[in-house]
N, C-alpha and C. Protein backbone atom coordinates (compact mmCIF):
# COMPACT_ATOMS: atom_id res chain seq x y z
N MET A 1 -11.90 91.32 46.80
CA MET A 1 -11.90 90.27 47.79
C MET A 1 -11.09 90.74 49.00
N GLU A 2 -11.69 90.62 50.13
CA GLU A 2 -11.00 90.97 51.38
C GLU A 2 -10.05 89.83 51.74
N PHE A 3 -8.82 90.17 52.07
CA PHE A 3 -7.85 89.16 52.48
C PHE A 3 -7.92 88.95 53.98
N THR A 4 -8.20 87.74 54.37
CA THR A 4 -8.18 87.32 55.76
C THR A 4 -7.23 86.12 55.85
N ALA A 5 -6.93 85.70 57.05
CA ALA A 5 -6.07 84.53 57.22
C ALA A 5 -6.67 83.30 56.53
N ASP A 6 -7.99 83.15 56.62
CA ASP A 6 -8.65 82.01 55.98
C ASP A 6 -8.55 82.07 54.47
N VAL A 7 -8.77 83.26 53.90
CA VAL A 7 -8.70 83.41 52.45
C VAL A 7 -7.28 83.15 51.96
N VAL A 8 -6.31 83.70 52.65
CA VAL A 8 -4.91 83.49 52.26
C VAL A 8 -4.57 82.00 52.31
N GLU A 9 -5.03 81.32 53.34
CA GLU A 9 -4.76 79.88 53.46
C GLU A 9 -5.41 79.12 52.31
N GLN A 10 -6.62 79.49 51.94
CA GLN A 10 -7.28 78.83 50.81
C GLN A 10 -6.53 79.08 49.50
N LEU A 11 -6.05 80.30 49.32
CA LEU A 11 -5.28 80.61 48.12
C LEU A 11 -3.96 79.82 48.08
N ILE A 12 -3.32 79.71 49.22
CA ILE A 12 -2.08 78.93 49.30
C ILE A 12 -2.37 77.47 48.96
N ASN A 13 -3.42 76.91 49.53
CA ASN A 13 -3.76 75.51 49.27
C ASN A 13 -4.11 75.28 47.80
N ALA A 14 -4.80 76.23 47.19
CA ALA A 14 -5.19 76.09 45.79
C ALA A 14 -4.02 76.30 44.83
N SER A 15 -2.93 76.89 45.32
CA SER A 15 -1.79 77.22 44.46
C SER A 15 -0.50 76.54 44.91
N SER A 16 -0.61 75.48 45.65
CA SER A 16 0.59 74.87 46.22
C SER A 16 1.60 74.43 45.16
N GLU A 17 1.13 73.88 44.06
CA GLU A 17 2.06 73.45 43.01
C GLU A 17 2.77 74.64 42.36
N GLU A 18 2.01 75.69 42.08
CA GLU A 18 2.60 76.88 41.47
C GLU A 18 3.61 77.55 42.41
N LEU A 19 3.27 77.61 43.69
CA LEU A 19 4.19 78.20 44.65
C LEU A 19 5.48 77.39 44.77
N ALA A 20 5.35 76.09 44.78
CA ALA A 20 6.54 75.23 44.85
C ALA A 20 7.40 75.39 43.60
N ALA A 21 6.75 75.46 42.44
CA ALA A 21 7.49 75.59 41.18
C ALA A 21 8.18 76.94 41.05
N SER A 22 7.66 77.95 41.72
CA SER A 22 8.22 79.29 41.59
C SER A 22 9.12 79.68 42.77
N ALA A 23 9.45 78.74 43.60
CA ALA A 23 10.33 79.02 44.74
C ALA A 23 11.63 79.65 44.25
N GLY A 24 12.03 80.72 44.90
CA GLY A 24 13.27 81.39 44.55
C GLY A 24 13.10 82.51 43.54
N ARG A 25 11.93 82.62 42.95
CA ARG A 25 11.72 83.72 42.00
C ARG A 25 11.56 85.02 42.77
N ARG A 26 11.99 86.09 42.17
CA ARG A 26 12.12 87.37 42.84
C ARG A 26 10.82 87.92 43.43
N PHE A 27 9.72 87.83 42.72
CA PHE A 27 8.49 88.48 43.15
C PHE A 27 7.42 87.51 43.63
N VAL A 28 7.80 86.29 43.92
CA VAL A 28 6.84 85.29 44.40
C VAL A 28 7.15 85.00 45.86
N GLN A 29 6.16 85.26 46.71
CA GLN A 29 6.35 84.99 48.13
C GLN A 29 5.87 83.59 48.45
N GLN A 30 6.57 82.96 49.34
CA GLN A 30 6.24 81.60 49.73
C GLN A 30 5.20 81.60 50.86
N PRO A 31 4.54 80.45 51.08
CA PRO A 31 3.45 80.38 52.06
C PRO A 31 3.76 80.97 53.44
N ALA A 32 4.91 80.70 53.97
CA ALA A 32 5.23 81.23 55.31
C ALA A 32 5.22 82.76 55.32
N THR A 33 5.73 83.36 54.26
CA THR A 33 5.74 84.82 54.16
C THR A 33 4.32 85.35 53.99
N LEU A 34 3.54 84.71 53.13
CA LEU A 34 2.16 85.14 52.91
C LEU A 34 1.34 85.05 54.20
N ARG A 35 1.59 84.02 54.97
CA ARG A 35 0.86 83.85 56.24
C ARG A 35 1.26 84.90 57.27
N SER A 36 2.47 85.41 57.19
CA SER A 36 2.98 86.33 58.22
C SER A 36 2.51 87.77 58.03
N HIS A 37 1.97 88.08 56.88
CA HIS A 37 1.53 89.46 56.61
C HIS A 37 0.24 89.79 57.33
N SER A 38 0.13 91.05 57.68
CA SER A 38 -1.14 91.59 58.15
C SER A 38 -1.76 92.29 56.95
N TYR A 39 -2.95 91.90 56.59
CA TYR A 39 -3.61 92.47 55.42
C TYR A 39 -4.61 93.56 55.81
N ALA A 40 -4.59 93.98 57.05
CA ALA A 40 -5.55 94.97 57.56
C ALA A 40 -5.45 96.30 56.82
N GLU A 41 -4.25 96.81 56.63
CA GLU A 41 -4.08 98.10 55.96
C GLU A 41 -4.53 98.01 54.50
N MET A 42 -4.18 96.93 53.84
CA MET A 42 -4.60 96.75 52.45
C MET A 42 -6.12 96.66 52.35
N ASN A 43 -6.75 95.92 53.27
CA ASN A 43 -8.21 95.82 53.27
C ASN A 43 -8.85 97.18 53.51
N LEU A 44 -8.29 97.98 54.41
CA LEU A 44 -8.81 99.32 54.66
C LEU A 44 -8.75 100.16 53.40
N LYS A 45 -7.63 100.11 52.69
CA LYS A 45 -7.50 100.86 51.43
C LYS A 45 -8.52 100.37 50.42
N LEU A 46 -8.75 99.08 50.36
CA LEU A 46 -9.74 98.52 49.44
C LEU A 46 -11.14 99.05 49.77
N PHE A 47 -11.50 99.04 51.06
CA PHE A 47 -12.81 99.54 51.47
C PHE A 47 -12.97 101.02 51.12
N GLU A 48 -11.92 101.81 51.36
CA GLU A 48 -11.98 103.24 51.04
C GLU A 48 -12.17 103.44 49.54
N PHE A 49 -11.43 102.68 48.74
CA PHE A 49 -11.55 102.77 47.28
C PHE A 49 -12.96 102.41 46.83
N LEU A 50 -13.49 101.31 47.36
CA LEU A 50 -14.83 100.88 46.95
C LEU A 50 -15.90 101.88 47.39
N ASP A 51 -15.75 102.45 48.58
CA ASP A 51 -16.70 103.47 49.03
C ASP A 51 -16.68 104.68 48.10
N LYS A 52 -15.49 105.12 47.69
CA LYS A 52 -15.38 106.25 46.76
C LYS A 52 -15.96 105.90 45.39
N LEU A 53 -15.75 104.69 44.96
CA LEU A 53 -16.29 104.25 43.67
C LEU A 53 -17.81 104.25 43.69
N VAL A 54 -18.39 103.75 44.76
CA VAL A 54 -19.85 103.75 44.89
C VAL A 54 -20.38 105.18 44.94
N ALA A 55 -19.73 106.05 45.70
CA ALA A 55 -20.18 107.44 45.80
C ALA A 55 -20.12 108.12 44.43
N GLN A 56 -19.06 107.87 43.69
CA GLN A 56 -18.94 108.46 42.36
C GLN A 56 -20.03 107.93 41.43
N TYR A 57 -20.29 106.66 41.50
CA TYR A 57 -21.33 106.05 40.68
C TYR A 57 -22.70 106.64 41.03
N GLN A 58 -22.97 106.81 42.31
CA GLN A 58 -24.24 107.37 42.74
C GLN A 58 -24.40 108.82 42.30
N GLN A 59 -23.32 109.58 42.30
CA GLN A 59 -23.35 110.97 41.84
C GLN A 59 -23.68 111.02 40.35
N GLN A 60 -23.09 110.14 39.56
CA GLN A 60 -23.35 110.11 38.12
C GLN A 60 -24.78 109.70 37.85
N ASP A 61 -25.31 108.82 38.68
CA ASP A 61 -26.67 108.33 38.50
C ASP A 61 -27.68 109.44 38.73
N LYS A 62 -27.34 110.40 39.62
CA LYS A 62 -28.24 111.50 39.95
C LYS A 62 -28.21 112.60 38.88
N ALA A 63 -27.13 112.66 38.13
CA ALA A 63 -26.96 113.74 37.14
C ALA A 63 -27.79 113.54 35.90
């Protein structure tokens, strides 16, 4: 799943109770922090990974 501002907002809205209950936990980021991130680099890495996965699958299919 590609992370965009809209997707992150939907995830925050769907998890509002869990986020509130986990406030202050070490590895849980709160909505303001999640909204402030740029997910562009992560999405680029995801696309590169998926492209390599498809290429590898296509190579195996030809063998």
